[in-house]
C-alpha atoms as a PDB file:
ATOM      1  CA  UNK A   1     111.349 -58.139 -35.589  1.00  0.00           C
ATOM      2  CA  UNK A   2     107.568 -57.678 -35.319  1.00  0.00           C
ATOM      3  CA  UNK A   3     105.463 -55.599 -37.606  1.00  0.00           C
ATOM      4  CA  UNK A   4     102.964 -53.089 -36.345  1.00  0.00           C
ATOM      5  CA  UNK A   5      99.718 -52.665 -38.269  1.00  0.00           C
ATOM      6  CA  UNK A   6      97.353 -49.793 -37.833  1.00  0.00           C
ATOM      7  CA  UNK A   7      93.617 -50.429 -38.028  1.00  0.00           C
ATOM      8  CA  UNK A   8      91.407 -47.522 -38.997  1.00  0.00           C
ATOM      9  CA  UNK A   9      87.749 -47.590 -37.975  1.00  0.00           C
ATOM     10  CA  UNK A  10      85.382 -45.096 -39.513  1.00  0.00           C
ATOM     11  CA  UNK A  11      82.615 -43.962 -37.171  1.00  0.00           C
ATOM     12  CA  UNK A  12      80.053 -42.074 -39.201  1.00  0.00           C
ATOM     13  CA  UNK A  13      77.098 -42.788 -36.936  1.00  0.00           C
ATOM     14  CA  UNK A  14      73.970 -44.822 -37.402  1.00  0.00           C
ATOM     15  CA  UNK A  15      72.847 -45.322 -41.004  1.00  0.00           C
ATOM     16  CA  UNK A  16      69.589 -43.573 -41.898  1.00  0.00           C
ATOM     17  CA  UNK A  17      68.127 -46.830 -43.257  1.00  0.00           C
ATOM     18  CA  UNK A  18      68.569 -48.433 -39.817  1.00  0.00           C
ATOM     19  CA  UNK A  19      66.735 -45.562 -38.140  1.00  0.00           C
ATOM     20  CA  UNK A  20      63.890 -45.751 -40.667  1.00  0.00           C
ATOM     21  CA  UNK A  21      63.615 -49.540 -40.287  1.00  0.00           C
ATOM     22  CA  UNK A  22      63.526 -49.240 -36.496  1.00  0.00           C
ATOM     23  CA  UNK A  23      60.860 -46.533 -36.698  1.00  0.00           C
ATOM     24  CA  UNK A  24      58.699 -48.736 -38.940  1.00  0.00           C
ATOM     25  CA  UNK A  25      59.052 -51.703 -36.569  1.00  0.00           C
ATOM     26  CA  UNK A  26      58.204 -49.449 -33.609  1.00  0.00           C
ATOM     27  CA  UNK A  27      55.122 -47.998 -35.324  1.00  0.00           C
ATOM     28  CA  UNK A  28      53.878 -51.448 -36.335  1.00  0.00           C
ATOM     29  CA  UNK A  29      54.399 -52.763 -32.800  1.00  0.00           C
ATOM     30  CA  UNK A  30      52.639 -49.761 -31.289  1.00  0.00           C
ATOM     31  CA  UNK A  31      49.676 -50.330 -33.599  1.00  0.00           C
ATOM     32  CA  UNK A  32      49.485 -54.040 -32.796  1.00  0.00           C
ATOM     33  CA  UNK A  33      49.723 -53.598 -29.032  1.00  0.00           C
ATOM     34  CA  UNK A  34      47.796 -50.384 -28.618  1.00  0.00           C
ATOM     35  CA  UNK A  35      45.254 -49.914 -31.336  1.00  0.00           C
ATOM     36  CA  UNK A  36      44.476 -53.180 -33.113  1.00  0.00           C
ATOM     37  CA  UNK A  37      40.870 -54.196 -32.534  1.00  0.00           C
ATOM     38  CA  UNK A  38      40.745 -56.923 -35.164  1.00  0.00           C
ATOM     39  CA  UNK A  39      42.050 -54.813 -38.047  1.00  0.00           C
ATOM     40  CA  UNK A  40      45.018 -57.029 -38.910  1.00  0.00           C
ATOM     41  CA  UNK A  41      43.136 -60.325 -39.046  1.00  0.00           C
ATOM     42  CA  UNK A  42      40.091 -58.761 -40.743  1.00  0.00           C
ATOM     43  CA  UNK A  43      42.012 -58.825 -44.014  1.00  0.00           C
ATOM     44  CA  UNK A  44      41.804 -62.619 -44.081  1.00  0.00           C
ATOM     45  CA  UNK A  45      39.267 -63.469 -41.383  1.00  0.00           C
ATOM     46  CA  UNK A  46      36.567 -60.942 -42.301  1.00  0.00           C
ATOM     47  CA  UNK A  47      34.136 -59.242 -39.937  1.00  0.00           C
ATOM     48  CA  UNK A  48      34.478 -62.053 -37.372  1.00  0.00           C
ATOM     49  CA  UNK A  49      37.957 -60.722 -36.514  1.00  0.00           C
ATOM     50  CA  UNK A  50      36.365 -57.631 -34.928  1.00  0.00           C
ATOM     51  CA  UNK A  51      34.390 -59.898 -32.624  1.00  0.00           C
ATOM     52  CA  UNK A  52      37.135 -62.400 -31.718  1.00  0.00           C
ATOM     53  CA  UNK A  53      39.926 -59.820 -31.063  1.00  0.00           C
ATOM     54  CA  UNK A  54      42.743 -62.395 -31.064  1.00  0.00           C
ATOM     55  CA  UNK A  55      45.630 -59.905 -30.886  1.00  0.00           C
ATOM     56  CA  UNK A  56      43.800 -57.806 -28.293  1.00  0.00           C
ATOM     57  CA  UNK A  57      43.403 -60.816 -26.033  1.00  0.00           C
ATOM     58  CA  UNK A  58      46.983 -61.955 -26.652  1.00  0.00           C
ATOM     59  CA  UNK A  59      48.447 -58.553 -25.709  1.00  0.00           C
ATOM     60  CA  UNK A  60      45.825 -57.610 -23.094  1.00  0.00           C
ATOM     61  CA  UNK A  61      48.115 -57.338 -20.059  1.00  0.00           C
ATOM     62  CA  UNK A  62      50.832 -55.604 -22.077  1.00  0.00           C
ATOM     63  CA  UNK A  63      48.263 -53.008 -23.172  1.00  0.00           C
ATOM     64  CA  UNK A  64      47.434 -52.177 -19.559  1.00  0.00           C
ATOM     65  CA  UNK A  65      51.101 -52.071 -18.573  1.00  0.00           C
ATOM     66  CA  UNK A  66      51.766 -49.621 -21.429  1.00  0.00           C
ATOM     67  CA  UNK A  67      48.867 -47.414 -20.308  1.00  0.00           C
ATOM     68  CA  UNK A  68      46.346 -48.203 -23.067  1.00  0.00           C
ATOM     69  CA  UNK A  69      42.825 -48.465 -21.689  1.00  0.00           C
ATOM     70  CA  UNK A  70      40.856 -51.152 -23.444  1.00  0.00           C
ATOM     71  CA  UNK A  71      37.732 -51.688 -21.382  1.00  0.00           C
END
């Protein structure tokens, strides 16, 4: 004789902490791609970071594809 087991799955939705974490990652990514003009590296690199624009140059084509004008 075989036994039958019932599995109960609780579906309460997406945890709030997951939504908050995703929103923070999205906001940080939006800042890096769209608005960073040397701000991130200026913390360690100083004023030269505003001239070199490493992240701007790295994400240049992605900025245009997302609709951010940069020059």
